[in-house]
Amino acid sequence: TINVLGTGSTSAISGLPFSPASGINGYGATGYFSGLAVNVIA
């Protein structure tokens, strides 16, 4: 939960514990979201 965005990214979360393999994206799902900067349904 972001309190104040300031100069933070509006689209990316960093800090992953391991770097991903080159050429392979990993996919997932969001379980909950609120207070986003834009309205989305999914």
ModelCIF file with pLDDT and N, C-alpha, C, O atoms, coordinates in Angstrom:
data_MODEL
#
_entry.id   MODEL 
#
_entity.id                         1 
_entity.type                       polymer 
_entity.pdbx_number_of_molecules   1 
#
_entity_poly.entity_id                      1 
_entity_poly.type                           'polypeptide(L)' 
_entity_poly.nstd_linkage                   no 
_entity_poly.nstd_monomer                   no 
_entity_poly.pdbx_seq_one_letter_code       TINVLGTGSTSAISGLPFSPASGINGYGATGYFSGLAVNVIA 
_entity_poly.pdbx_seq_one_letter_code_can   TINVLGTGSTSAISGLPFSPASGINGYGATGYFSGLAVNVIA 
_entity_poly.pdbx_strand_id                 A 
#
loop_
_entity_poly_seq.entity_id 
_entity_poly_seq.num 
_entity_poly_seq.mon_id 
_entity_poly_seq.hetero 
1 1  THR n 
1 2  ILE n 
1 3  ASN n 
1 4  VAL n 
1 5  LEU n 
1 6  GLY n 
1 7  THR n 
1 8  GLY n 
1 9  SER n 
1 10 THR n 
1 11 SER n 
1 12 ALA n 
1 13 ILE n 
1 14 SER n 
1 15 GLY n 
1 16 LEU n 
1 17 PRO n 
1 18 PHE n 
1 19 SER n 
1 20 PRO n 
1 21 ALA n 
1 22 SER n 
1 23 GLY n 
1 24 ILE n 
1 25 ASN n 
1 26 GLY n 
1 27 TYR n 
1 28 GLY n 
1 29 ALA n 
1 30 THR n 
1 31 GLY n 
1 32 TYR n 
1 33 PHE n 
1 34 SER n 
1 35 GLY n 
1 36 LEU n 
1 37 ALA n 
1 38 VAL n 
1 39 ASN n 
1 40 VAL n 
1 41 ILE n 
1 42 ALA n 
#
_struct_asym.id          A 
_struct_asym.entity_id   1 
#
loop_
_ma_qa_metric.id 
_ma_qa_metric.mode 
_ma_qa_metric.name 
_ma_qa_metric.software_group_id 
_ma_qa_metric.type 
1 global pLDDT . pLDDT 
2 local  pLDDT . pLDDT 
#
_ma_qa_metric_global.metric_id      1 
_ma_qa_metric_global.metric_value   95.36 
_ma_qa_metric_global.model_id       1 
_ma_qa_metric_global.ordinal_id     1 
#
loop_
_ma_qa_metric_local.label_asym_id 
_ma_qa_metric_local.label_comp_id 
_ma_qa_metric_local.label_seq_id 
_ma_qa_metric_local.metric_id 
_ma_qa_metric_local.metric_value 
_ma_qa_metric_local.model_id 
_ma_qa_metric_local.ordinal_id 
A THR 1  2 98.00 1 1  
A ILE 2  2 98.00 1 2  
A ASN 3  2 98.00 1 3  
A VAL 4  2 98.00 1 4  
A LEU 5  2 98.00 1 5  
A GLY 6  2 97.00 1 6  
A THR 7  2 98.00 1 7  
A GLY 8  2 98.00 1 8  
A SER 9  2 97.00 1 9  
A THR 10 2 97.00 1 10 
A SER 11 2 96.00 1 11 
A ALA 12 2 97.00 1 12 
A ILE 13 2 98.00 1 13 
A SER 14 2 97.00 1 14 
A GLY 15 2 97.00 1 15 
A LEU 16 2 97.00 1 16 
A PRO 17 2 97.00 1 17 
A PHE 18 2 96.00 1 18 
A SER 19 2 95.00 1 19 
A PRO 20 2 96.00 1 20 
A ALA 21 2 95.00 1 21 
A SER 22 2 92.00 1 22 
A GLY 23 2 92.00 1 23 
A ILE 24 2 91.00 1 24 
A ASN 25 2 93.00 1 25 
A GLY 26 2 95.00 1 26 
A TYR 27 2 95.00 1 27 
A GLY 28 2 96.00 1 28 
A ALA 29 2 95.00 1 29 
A THR 30 2 95.00 1 30 
A GLY 31 2 93.00 1 31 
A TYR 32 2 96.00 1 32 
A PHE 33 2 96.00 1 33 
A SER 34 2 97.00 1 34 
A GLY 35 2 97.00 1 35 
A LEU 36 2 96.00 1 36 
A ALA 37 2 94.00 1 37 
A VAL 38 2 91.00 1 38 
A ASN 39 2 91.00 1 39 
A VAL 40 2 91.00 1 40 
A ILE 41 2 90.00 1 41 
A ALA 42 2 91.00 1 42 
#
loop_
_atom_site.group_PDB 
_atom_site.id 
_atom_site.type_symbol 
_atom_site.label_atom_id 
_atom_site.label_alt_id 
_atom_site.label_comp_id 
_atom_site.label_asym_id 
_atom_site.label_entity_id 
_atom_site.label_seq_id 
_atom_site.pdbx_PDB_ins_code 
_atom_site.Cartn_x 
_atom_site.Cartn_y 
_atom_site.Cartn_z 
_atom_site.occupancy 
_atom_site.B_iso_or_equiv 
_atom_site.pdbx_formal_charge 
_atom_site.auth_seq_id 
_atom_site.auth_comp_id 
_atom_site.auth_asym_id 
_atom_site.auth_atom_id 
_atom_site.pdbx_PDB_model_num 
ATOM 1   N N  . THR A 1 1  ? 0.857   -1.178  0.000   1.00 98.00 ? 1  THR A N  1 
ATOM 2   C CA . THR A 1 1  ? 0.000   0.000   0.000   1.00 98.00 ? 1  THR A CA 1 
ATOM 3   C C  . THR A 1 1  ? 0.896   1.231   0.000   1.00 98.00 ? 1  THR A C  1 
ATOM 4   O O  . THR A 1 1  ? 1.700   1.429   0.911   1.00 98.00 ? 1  THR A O  1 
ATOM 5   N N  . ILE A 1 2  ? 0.747   2.049   -1.024  1.00 98.00 ? 2  ILE A N  1 
ATOM 6   C CA . ILE A 1 2  ? 1.528   3.271   -1.149  1.00 98.00 ? 2  ILE A CA 1 
ATOM 7   C C  . ILE A 1 2  ? 0.826   4.374   -0.365  1.00 98.00 ? 2  ILE A C  1 
ATOM 8   O O  . ILE A 1 2  ? -0.377  4.579   -0.528  1.00 98.00 ? 2  ILE A O  1 
ATOM 9   N N  . ASN A 1 3  ? 1.553   5.074   0.468   1.00 98.00 ? 3  ASN A N  1 
ATOM 10  C CA . ASN A 1 3  ? 0.999   6.229   1.176   1.00 98.00 ? 3  ASN A CA 1 
ATOM 11  C C  . ASN A 1 3  ? 1.058   7.435   0.239   1.00 98.00 ? 3  ASN A C  1 
ATOM 12  O O  . ASN A 1 3  ? 0.017   7.949   -0.170  1.00 98.00 ? 3  ASN A O  1 
ATOM 13  N N  . VAL A 1 4  ? 2.260   7.888   -0.105  1.00 98.00 ? 4  VAL A N  1 
ATOM 14  C CA . VAL A 1 4  ? 2.454   8.993   -1.054  1.00 98.00 ? 4  VAL A CA 1 
ATOM 15  C C  . VAL A 1 4  ? 3.420   8.515   -2.128  1.00 98.00 ? 4  VAL A C  1 
ATOM 16  O O  . VAL A 1 4  ? 4.528   8.082   -1.810  1.00 98.00 ? 4  VAL A O  1 
ATOM 17  N N  . LEU A 1 5  ? 3.019   8.586   -3.395  1.00 98.00 ? 5  LEU A N  1 
ATOM 18  C CA . LEU A 1 5  ? 3.836   8.093   -4.499  1.00 98.00 ? 5  LEU A CA 1 
ATOM 19  C C  . LEU A 1 5  ? 5.106   8.916   -4.699  1.00 98.00 ? 5  LEU A C  1 
ATOM 20  O O  . LEU A 1 5  ? 6.158   8.343   -4.983  1.00 98.00 ? 5  LEU A O  1 
ATOM 21  N N  . GLY A 1 6  ? 5.046   10.206  -4.562  1.00 97.00 ? 6  GLY A N  1 
ATOM 22  C CA . GLY A 1 6  ? 6.224   11.045  -4.797  1.00 97.00 ? 6  GLY A CA 1 
ATOM 23  C C  . GLY A 1 6  ? 6.781   10.804  -6.181  1.00 97.00 ? 6  GLY A C  1 
ATOM 24  O O  . GLY A 1 6  ? 6.051   10.884  -7.169  1.00 97.00 ? 6  GLY A O  1 
ATOM 25  N N  . THR A 1 7  ? 8.075   10.506  -6.266  1.00 98.00 ? 7  THR A N  1 
ATOM 26  C CA . THR A 1 7  ? 8.714   10.257  -7.556  1.00 98.00 ? 7  THR A CA 1 
ATOM 27  C C  . THR A 1 7  ? 8.796   8.759   -7.882  1.00 98.00 ? 7  THR A C  1 
ATOM 28  O O  . THR A 1 7  ? 9.548   8.362   -8.772  1.00 98.00 ? 7  THR A O  1 
ATOM 29  N N  . GLY A 1 8  ? 8.032   7.933   -7.171  1.00 98.00 ? 8  GLY A N  1 
ATOM 30  C CA . GLY A 1 8  ? 8.016   6.496   -7.428  1.00 98.00 ? 8  GLY A CA 1 
ATOM 31  C C  . GLY A 1 8  ? 7.377   6.162   -8.765  1.00 98.00 ? 8  GLY A C  1 
ATOM 32  O O  . GLY A 1 8  ? 6.712   7.000   -9.374  1.00 98.00 ? 8  GLY A O  1 
ATOM 33  N N  . SER A 1 9  ? 7.580   4.947   -9.211  1.00 97.00 ? 9  SER A N  1 
ATOM 34  C CA . SER A 1 9  ? 7.036   4.487   -10.491 1.00 97.00 ? 9  SER A CA 1 
ATOM 35  C C  . SER A 1 9  ? 5.526   4.324   -10.423 1.00 97.00 ? 9  SER A C  1 
ATOM 36  O O  . SER A 1 9  ? 4.989   3.864   -9.415  1.00 97.00 ? 9  SER A O  1 
ATOM 37  N N  . THR A 1 10 ? 4.848   4.699   -11.487 1.00 97.00 ? 10 THR A N  1 
ATOM 38  C CA . THR A 1 10 ? 3.401   4.526   -11.577 1.00 97.00 ? 10 THR A CA 1 
ATOM 39  C C  . THR A 1 10 ? 3.020   3.176   -12.182 1.00 97.00 ? 10 THR A C  1 
ATOM 40  O O  . THR A 1 10 ? 1.842   2.825   -12.237 1.00 97.00 ? 10 THR A O  1 
ATOM 41  N N  . SER A 1 11 ? 4.032   2.414   -12.638 1.00 96.00 ? 11 SER A N  1 
ATOM 42  C CA . SER A 1 11 ? 3.711   1.178   -13.348 1.00 96.00 ? 11 SER A CA 1 
ATOM 43  C C  . SER A 1 11 ? 4.533   -0.042  -12.955 1.00 96.00 ? 11 SER A C  1 
ATOM 44  O O  . SER A 1 11 ? 4.193   -1.151  -13.365 1.00 96.00 ? 11 SER A O  1 
ATOM 45  N N  . ALA A 1 12 ? 5.603   0.117   -12.175 1.00 97.00 ? 12 ALA A N  1 
ATOM 46  C CA . ALA A 1 12 ? 6.489   -1.018  -11.914 1.00 97.00 ? 12 ALA A CA 1 
ATOM 47  C C  . ALA A 1 12 ? 6.824   -1.176  -10.440 1.00 97.00 ? 12 ALA A C  1 
ATOM 48  O O  . ALA A 1 12 ? 7.039   -0.197  -9.726  1.00 97.00 ? 12 ALA A O  1 
ATOM 49  N N  . ILE A 1 13 ? 6.863   -2.436  -9.996  1.00 98.00 ? 13 ILE A N  1 
ATOM 50  C CA . ILE A 1 13 ? 7.293   -2.781  -8.646  1.00 98.00 ? 13 ILE A CA 1 
ATOM 51  C C  . ILE A 1 13 ? 8.640   -3.479  -8.766  1.00 98.00 ? 13 ILE A C  1 
ATOM 52  O O  . ILE A 1 13 ? 8.800   -4.405  -9.561  1.00 98.00 ? 13 ILE A O  1 
ATOM 53  N N  . SER A 1 14 ? 9.596   -3.034  -7.981  1.00 97.00 ? 14 SER A N  1 
ATOM 54  C CA . SER A 1 14 ? 10.929  -3.634  -7.994  1.00 97.00 ? 14 SER A CA 1 
ATOM 55  C C  . SER A 1 14 ? 11.227  -4.279  -6.645  1.00 97.00 ? 14 SER A C  1 
ATOM 56  O O  . SER A 1 14 ? 10.406  -4.242  -5.728  1.00 97.00 ? 14 SER A O  1 
ATOM 57  N N  . GLY A 1 15 ? 12.410  -4.869  -6.540  1.00 97.00 ? 15 GLY A N  1 
ATOM 58  C CA . GLY A 1 15 ? 12.838  -5.488  -5.292  1.00 97.00 ? 15 GLY A CA 1 
ATOM 59  C C  . GLY A 1 15 ? 12.737  -6.996  -5.268  1.00 97.00 ? 15 GLY A C  1 
ATOM 60  O O  . GLY A 1 15 ? 12.898  -7.603  -4.209  1.00 97.00 ? 15 GLY A O  1 
ATOM 61  N N  . LEU A 1 16 ? 12.472  -7.628  -6.416  1.00 97.00 ? 16 LEU A N  1 
ATOM 62  C CA . LEU A 1 16 ? 12.338  -9.087  -6.452  1.00 97.00 ? 16 LEU A CA 1 
ATOM 63  C C  . LEU A 1 16 ? 13.574  -9.761  -5.858  1.00 97.00 ? 16 LEU A C  1 
ATOM 64  O O  . LEU A 1 16 ? 14.684  -9.250  -6.006  1.00 97.00 ? 16 LEU A O  1 
ATOM 65  N N  . PRO A 1 17 ? 13.394  -10.896 -5.193  1.00 97.00 ? 17 PRO A N  1 
ATOM 66  C CA . PRO A 1 17 ? 14.519  -11.552 -4.535  1.00 97.00 ? 17 PRO A CA 1 
ATOM 67  C C  . PRO A 1 17 ? 15.510  -12.222 -5.487  1.00 97.00 ? 17 PRO A C  1 
ATOM 68  O O  . PRO A 1 17 ? 16.651  -12.476 -5.102  1.00 97.00 ? 17 PRO A O  1 
ATOM 69  N N  . PHE A 1 18 ? 15.095  -12.515 -6.728  1.00 96.00 ? 18 PHE A N  1 
ATOM 70  C CA . PHE A 1 18 ? 15.955  -13.147 -7.719  1.00 96.00 ? 18 PHE A CA 1 
ATOM 71  C C  . PHE A 1 18 ? 15.672  -12.537 -9.084  1.00 96.00 ? 18 PHE A C  1 
ATOM 72  O O  . PHE A 1 18 ? 14.527  -12.203 -9.389  1.00 96.00 ? 18 PHE A O  1 
ATOM 73  N N  . SER A 1 19 ? 16.698  -12.390 -9.902  1.00 95.00 ? 19 SER A N  1 
ATOM 74  C CA . SER A 1 19 ? 16.524  -11.882 -11.263 1.00 95.00 ? 19 SER A CA 1 
ATOM 75  C C  . SER A 1 19 ? 15.928  -12.969 -12.147 1.00 95.00 ? 19 SER A C  1 
ATOM 76  O O  . SER A 1 19 ? 16.304  -14.135 -12.032 1.00 95.00 ? 19 SER A O  1 
ATOM 77  N N  . PRO A 1 20 ? 14.996  -12.597 -13.032 1.00 96.00 ? 20 PRO A N  1 
ATOM 78  C CA . PRO A 1 20 ? 14.392  -13.603 -13.921 1.00 96.00 ? 20 PRO A CA 1 
ATOM 79  C C  . PRO A 1 20 ? 15.361  -14.042 -15.012 1.00 96.00 ? 20 PRO A C  1 
ATOM 80  O O  . PRO A 1 20 ? 16.281  -13.310 -15.376 1.00 96.00 ? 20 PRO A O  1 
ATOM 81  N N  . ALA A 1 21 ? 15.141  -15.241 -15.524 1.00 95.00 ? 21 ALA A N  1 
ATOM 82  C CA . ALA A 1 21 ? 15.938  -15.766 -16.628 1.00 95.00 ? 21 ALA A CA 1 
ATOM 83  C C  . ALA A 1 21 ? 15.694  -14.921 -17.878 1.00 95.00 ? 21 ALA A C  1 
ATOM 84  O O  . ALA A 1 21 ? 14.584  -14.439 -18.103 1.00 95.00 ? 21 ALA A O  1 
ATOM 85  N N  . SER A 1 22 ? 16.717  -14.749 -18.670 1.00 92.00 ? 22 SER A N  1 
ATOM 86  C CA . SER A 1 22 ? 16.622  -13.978 -19.899 1.00 92.00 ? 22 SER A CA 1 
ATOM 87  C C  . SER A 1 22 ? 15.641  -14.636 -20.870 1.00 92.00 ? 22 SER A C  1 
ATOM 88  O O  . SER A 1 22 ? 15.688  -15.845 -21.096 1.00 92.00 ? 22 SER A O  1 
ATOM 89  N N  . GLY A 1 23 ? 14.762  -13.830 -21.432 1.00 92.00 ? 23 GLY A N  1 
ATOM 90  C CA . GLY A 1 23 ? 13.845  -14.316 -22.452 1.00 92.00 ? 23 GLY A CA 1 
ATOM 91  C C  . GLY A 1 23 ? 12.600  -15.017 -21.941 1.00 92.00 ? 23 GLY A C  1 
ATOM 92  O O  . GLY A 1 23 ? 11.789  -15.492 -22.736 1.00 92.00 ? 23 GLY A O  1 
ATOM 93  N N  . ILE A 1 24 ? 12.432  -15.090 -20.602 1.00 91.00 ? 24 ILE A N  1 
ATOM 94  C CA . ILE A 1 24 ? 11.267  -15.788 -20.055 1.00 91.00 ? 24 ILE A CA 1 
ATOM 95  C C  . ILE A 1 24 ? 10.530  -14.875 -19.073 1.00 91.00 ? 24 ILE A C  1 
ATOM 96  O O  . ILE A 1 24 ? 11.041  -14.598 -17.988 1.00 91.00 ? 24 ILE A O  1 
ATOM 97  N N  . ASN A 1 25 ? 9.341   -14.406 -19.438 1.00 93.00 ? 25 ASN A N  1 
ATOM 98  C CA . ASN A 1 25 ? 8.514   -13.639 -18.512 1.00 93.00 ? 25 ASN A CA 1 
ATOM 99  C C  . ASN A 1 25 ? 7.808   -14.600 -17.563 1.00 93.00 ? 25 ASN A C  1 
ATOM 100 O O  . ASN A 1 25 ? 7.583   -15.759 -17.910 1.00 93.00 ? 25 ASN A O  1 
ATOM 101 N N  . GLY A 1 26 ? 7.460   -14.134 -16.381 1.00 95.00 ? 26 GLY A N  1 
ATOM 102 C CA . GLY A 1 26 ? 6.679   -14.925 -15.442 1.00 95.00 ? 26 GLY A CA 1 
ATOM 103 C C  . GLY A 1 26 ? 5.326   -14.268 -15.251 1.00 95.00 ? 26 GLY A C  1 
ATOM 104 O O  . GLY A 1 26 ? 5.236   -13.041 -15.221 1.00 95.00 ? 26 GLY A O  1 
ATOM 105 N N  . TYR A 1 27 ? 4.277   -15.057 -15.122 1.00 95.00 ? 27 TYR A N  1 
ATOM 106 C CA . TYR A 1 27 ? 2.931   -14.501 -15.061 1.00 95.00 ? 27 TYR A CA 1 
ATOM 107 C C  . TYR A 1 27 ? 2.226   -14.859 -13.762 1.00 95.00 ? 27 TYR A C  1 
ATOM 108 O O  . TYR A 1 27 ? 2.527   -15.876 -13.135 1.00 95.00 ? 27 TYR A O  1 
ATOM 109 N N  . GLY A 1 28 ? 1.285   -14.010 -13.367 1.00 96.00 ? 28 GLY A N  1 
ATOM 110 C CA . GLY A 1 28 ? 0.569   -14.234 -12.129 1.00 96.00 ? 28 GLY A CA 1 
ATOM 111 C C  . GLY A 1 28 ? -0.772  -13.537 -12.119 1.00 96.00 ? 28 GLY A C  1 
ATOM 112 O O  . GLY A 1 28 ? -1.339  -13.212 -13.162 1.00 96.00 ? 28 GLY A O  1 
ATOM 113 N N  . ALA A 1 29 ? -1.259  -13.317 -10.922 1.00 95.00 ? 29 ALA A N  1 
ATOM 114 C CA . ALA A 1 29 ? -2.585  -12.723 -10.759 1.00 95.00 ? 29 ALA A CA 1 
ATOM 115 C C  . ALA A 1 29 ? -2.575  -11.765 -9.579  1.00 95.00 ? 29 ALA A C  1 
ATOM 116 O O  . ALA A 1 29 ? -1.764  -11.887 -8.661  1.00 95.00 ? 29 ALA A O  1 
ATOM 117 N N  . THR A 1 30 ? -3.484  -10.822 -9.625  1.00 95.00 ? 30 THR A N  1 
ATOM 118 C CA . THR A 1 30 ? -3.693  -9.956  -8.477  1.00 95.00 ? 30 THR A CA 1 
ATOM 119 C C  . THR A 1 30 ? -4.879  -10.493 -7.696  1.00 95.00 ? 30 THR A C  1 
ATOM 120 O O  . THR A 1 30 ? -5.897  -10.879 -8.270  1.00 95.00 ? 30 THR A O  1 
ATOM 121 N N  . GLY A 1 31 ? -4.733  -10.513 -6.387  1.00 93.00 ? 31 GLY A N  1 
ATOM 122 C CA . GLY A 1 31 ? -5.810  -11.008 -5.546  1.00 93.00 ? 31 GLY A CA 1 
ATOM 123 C C  . GLY A 1 31 ? -6.726  -9.897  -5.072  1.00 93.00 ? 31 GLY A C  1 
ATOM 124 O O  . GLY A 1 31 ? -7.899  -10.123 -4.776  1.00 93.00 ? 31 GLY A O  1 
ATOM 125 N N  . TYR A 1 32 ? -6.166  -8.673  -5.002  1.00 96.00 ? 32 TYR A N  1 
ATOM 126 C CA . TYR A 1 32 ? -6.936  -7.531  -4.513  1.00 96.00 ? 32 TYR A CA 1 
ATOM 127 C C  . TYR A 1 32 ? -6.257  -6.256  -4.988  1.00 96.00 ? 32 TYR A C  1 
ATOM 128 O O  . TYR A 1 32 ? -5.030  -6.190  -5.070  1.00 96.00 ? 32 TYR A O  1 
ATOM 129 N N  . PHE A 1 33 ? -7.059  -5.243  -5.300  1.00 96.00 ? 33 PHE A N  1 
ATOM 130 C CA . PHE A 1 33 ? -6.518  -3.925  -5.592  1.00 96.00 ? 33 PHE A CA 1 
ATOM 131 C C  . PHE A 1 33 ? -7.536  -2.874  -5.191  1.00 96.00 ? 33 PHE A C  1 
ATOM 132 O O  . PHE A 1 33 ? -8.745  -3.101  -5.247  1.00 96.00 ? 33 PHE A O  1 
ATOM 133 N N  . SER A 1 34 ? -7.015  -1.702  -4.778  1.00 97.00 ? 34 SER A N  1 
ATOM 134 C CA . SER A 1 34 ? -7.887  -0.578  -4.409  1.00 97.00 ? 34 SER A CA 1 
ATOM 135 C C  . SER A 1 34 ? -7.109  0.719   -4.566  1.00 97.00 ? 34 SER A C  1 
ATOM 136 O O  . SER A 1 34 ? -5.878  0.720   -4.554  1.00 97.00 ? 34 SER A O  1 
ATOM 137 N N  . GLY A 1 35 ? -7.830  1.813   -4.712  1.00 97.00 ? 35 GLY A N  1 
ATOM 138 C CA . GLY A 1 35 ? -7.227  3.134   -4.775  1.00 97.00 ? 35 GLY A CA 1 
ATOM 139 C C  . GLY A 1 35 ? -6.287  3.353   -5.941  1.00 97.00 ? 35 GLY A C  1 
ATOM 140 O O  . GLY A 1 35 ? -5.382  4.181   -5.852  1.00 97.00 ? 35 GLY A O  1 
ATOM 141 N N  . LEU A 1 36 ? -6.481  2.625   -7.038  1.00 96.00 ? 36 LEU A N  1 
ATOM 142 C CA . LEU A 1 36 ? -5.577  2.763   -8.173  1.00 96.00 ? 36 LEU A CA 1 
ATOM 143 C C  . LEU A 1 36 ? -5.730  4.132   -8.832  1.00 96.00 ? 36 LEU A C  1 
ATOM 144 O O  . LEU A 1 36 ? -6.745  4.806   -8.658  1.00 96.00 ? 36 LEU A O  1 
ATOM 145 N N  . ALA A 1 37 ? -4.713  4.531   -9.587  1.00 94.00 ? 37 ALA A N  1 
ATOM 146 C CA . ALA A 1 37 ? -4.703  5.836   -10.256 1.00 94.00 ? 37 ALA A CA 1 
ATOM 147 C C  . ALA A 1 37 ? -5.655  5.884   -11.448 1.00 94.00 ? 37 ALA A C  1 
ATOM 148 O O  . ALA A 1 37 ? -6.005  6.969   -11.914 1.00 94.00 ? 37 ALA A O  1 
ATOM 149 N N  . VAL A 1 38 ? -6.078  4.724   -11.946 1.00 91.00 ? 38 VAL A N  1 
ATOM 150 C CA . VAL A 1 38 ? -7.027  4.640   -13.056 1.00 91.00 ? 38 VAL A CA 1 
ATOM 151 C C  . VAL A 1 38 ? -8.092  3.603   -12.707 1.00 91.00 ? 38 VAL A C  1 
ATOM 152 O O  . VAL A 1 38 ? -7.854  2.717   -11.886 1.00 91.00 ? 38 VAL A O  1 
ATOM 153 N N  . ASN A 1 39 ? -9.252  3.711   -13.323 1.00 91.00 ? 39 ASN A N  1 
ATOM 154 C CA . ASN A 1 39 ? -10.316 2.737   -13.098 1.00 91.00 ? 39 ASN A CA 1 
ATOM 155 C C  . ASN A 1 39 ? -10.086 1.511   -13.972 1.00 91.00 ? 39 ASN A C  1 
ATOM 156 O O  . ASN A 1 39 ? -9.905  1.624   -15.184 1.00 91.00 ? 39 ASN A O  1 
ATOM 157 N N  . VAL A 1 40 ? -10.094 0.349   -13.349 1.00 91.00 ? 40 VAL A N  1 
ATOM 158 C CA . VAL A 1 40 ? -9.950  -0.905  -14.085 1.00 91.00 ? 40 VAL A CA 1 
ATOM 159 C C  . VAL A 1 40 ? -10.972 -1.898  -13.548 1.00 91.00 ? 40 VAL A C  1 
ATOM 160 O O  . VAL A 1 40 ? -11.400 -1.807  -12.397 1.00 91.00 ? 40 VAL A O  1 
ATOM 161 N N  . ILE A 1 41 ? -11.361 -2.857  -14.407 1.00 90.00 ? 41 ILE A N  1 
ATOM 162 C CA . ILE A 1 41 ? -12.264 -3.906  -13.940 1.00 90.00 ? 41 ILE A CA 1 
ATOM 163 C C  . ILE A 1 41 ? -11.536 -5.233  -13.780 1.00 90.00 ? 41 ILE A C  1 
ATOM 164 O O  . ILE A 1 41 ? -12.045 -6.152  -13.138 1.00 90.00 ? 41 ILE A O  1 
ATOM 165 N N  . ALA A 1 42 ? -10.332 -5.334  -14.371 1.00 91.00 ? 42 ALA A N  1 
ATOM 166 C CA . ALA A 1 42 ? -9.518  -6.545  -14.225 1.00 91.00 ? 42 ALA A CA 1 
ATOM 167 C C  . ALA A 1 42 ? -8.051  -6.145  -14.247 1.00 91.00 ? 42 ALA A C  1 
ATOM 168 O O  . ALA A 1 42 ? -7.175  -7.003  -14.139 1.00 91.00 ? 42 ALA A O  1 
#
